[in-house]
Protein backbone atom coordinates (compact mmCIF):
# COMPACT_ATOMS: atom_id res chain seq x y z
CA MET A 1 27.91 11.26 9.53
CA ARG A 2 24.67 9.92 10.96
CA THR A 3 24.39 7.15 13.53
CA PHE A 4 21.94 4.30 13.82
CA ALA A 5 20.54 5.82 17.02
CA GLN A 6 19.82 9.06 15.15
CA ASN A 7 18.04 7.14 12.42
CA LEU A 8 15.94 5.26 14.96
CA ALA A 9 14.88 8.63 16.33
CA VAL A 10 13.91 9.66 12.79
CA VAL A 11 11.69 6.58 12.53
CA GLY A 12 9.91 7.73 15.68
CA GLU A 13 9.45 11.21 14.27
CA LEU A 14 8.27 10.14 10.82
CA TRP A 15 5.95 7.44 12.18
CA PRO A 16 4.99 8.59 15.68
CA MET A 17 2.28 5.92 16.01
CA ALA A 18 4.70 3.06 15.36
CA GLU A 19 5.49 0.74 18.23
CA PHE A 20 7.72 -2.29 17.83
CA THR A 21 7.92 -5.50 19.82
CA GLY A 22 11.27 -6.60 21.18
CA GLU A 23 11.73 -9.05 18.32
CA GLU A 24 10.82 -6.40 15.74
CA LYS A 25 13.41 -4.07 17.25
CA LYS A 26 16.00 -6.84 16.95
CA LEU A 27 15.14 -7.34 13.27
CA TRP A 28 15.47 -3.63 12.56
CA ASN A 29 18.77 -3.54 14.41
CA ASP A 30 20.12 -6.67 12.71
CA ASP A 31 19.14 -5.53 9.21
CA LEU A 32 19.84 -1.80 9.40
CA SER A 33 22.54 -1.03 11.94
CA GLY A 34 25.40 -2.15 9.70
CA LEU A 35 24.31 -0.10 6.70
CA ASP A 36 25.61 3.29 5.63
CA GLN A 37 23.58 5.50 7.95
CA ASP A 38 23.51 8.56 5.70
CA THR A 39 21.97 6.46 2.92
CA LEU A 40 19.61 4.84 5.41
CA TYR A 41 18.41 8.29 6.50
CA ASP A 42 17.62 9.15 2.88
CA ALA A 43 15.89 5.78 2.44
CA LEU A 44 13.67 6.36 5.48
CA ARG A 45 12.63 9.75 4.15
CA ALA A 46 11.94 8.25 0.72
CA VAL A 47 9.71 5.58 2.23
CA LYS A 48 7.74 8.22 4.11
CA ARG A 49 7.26 10.21 0.92
CA LEU A 50 6.13 7.21 -1.13
CA ARG A 51 4.04 5.19 1.32
CA GLU A 52 1.02 6.37 3.22
CA SER A 53 1.11 4.27 6.35
CA LEU A 54 1.07 4.84 10.09
CA TYR A 55 3.75 2.18 10.44
CA PRO A 56 6.99 1.67 8.49
CA GLN A 57 7.74 -1.75 7.07
CA LEU A 58 11.26 -3.15 7.10
CA PRO A 59 11.07 -4.49 3.51
CA TRP A 60 10.12 -1.01 2.26
CA VAL A 61 13.16 0.50 3.97
CA LEU A 62 15.52 -2.18 2.68
CA THR A 63 14.24 -1.82 -0.89
CA SER A 64 14.56 1.94 -0.74
CA TYR A 65 18.07 1.63 0.68
CA ARG A 66 19.16 -0.77 -2.08
CA GLU A 67 17.75 1.50 -4.77
CA LEU A 68 19.51 4.55 -3.35
CA SER A 69 22.77 2.66 -2.92
CA ALA A 70 22.66 1.43 -6.51
CA SER A 71 21.90 4.89 -7.88
CA ARG A 72 24.85 6.36 -5.99
CA ARG A 73 27.39 3.94 -7.42
C-alpha cells in the first residue's frame, strides 16, 4: 500500500521542474492526502501520460482519480 509521501515523491520525479508555493502544497495535501493512495498513484501516472506539461495541475489529478475510482467500482 502506497503512502501520500511516496506519491508526493512521484510528483517530483514525473514533473522535476515543478515547484509549489506553501499554499499550493496545502491544497495538494488537503485534496489528495485522504484519497486511496494506490489509485492516486495510478492517477498521477495517467495524467503524465495524457498531458504534456512541465507542471501538474491539481484539477487534472482529481479528474483522473475520479475516473479511475469509478472504473474500478
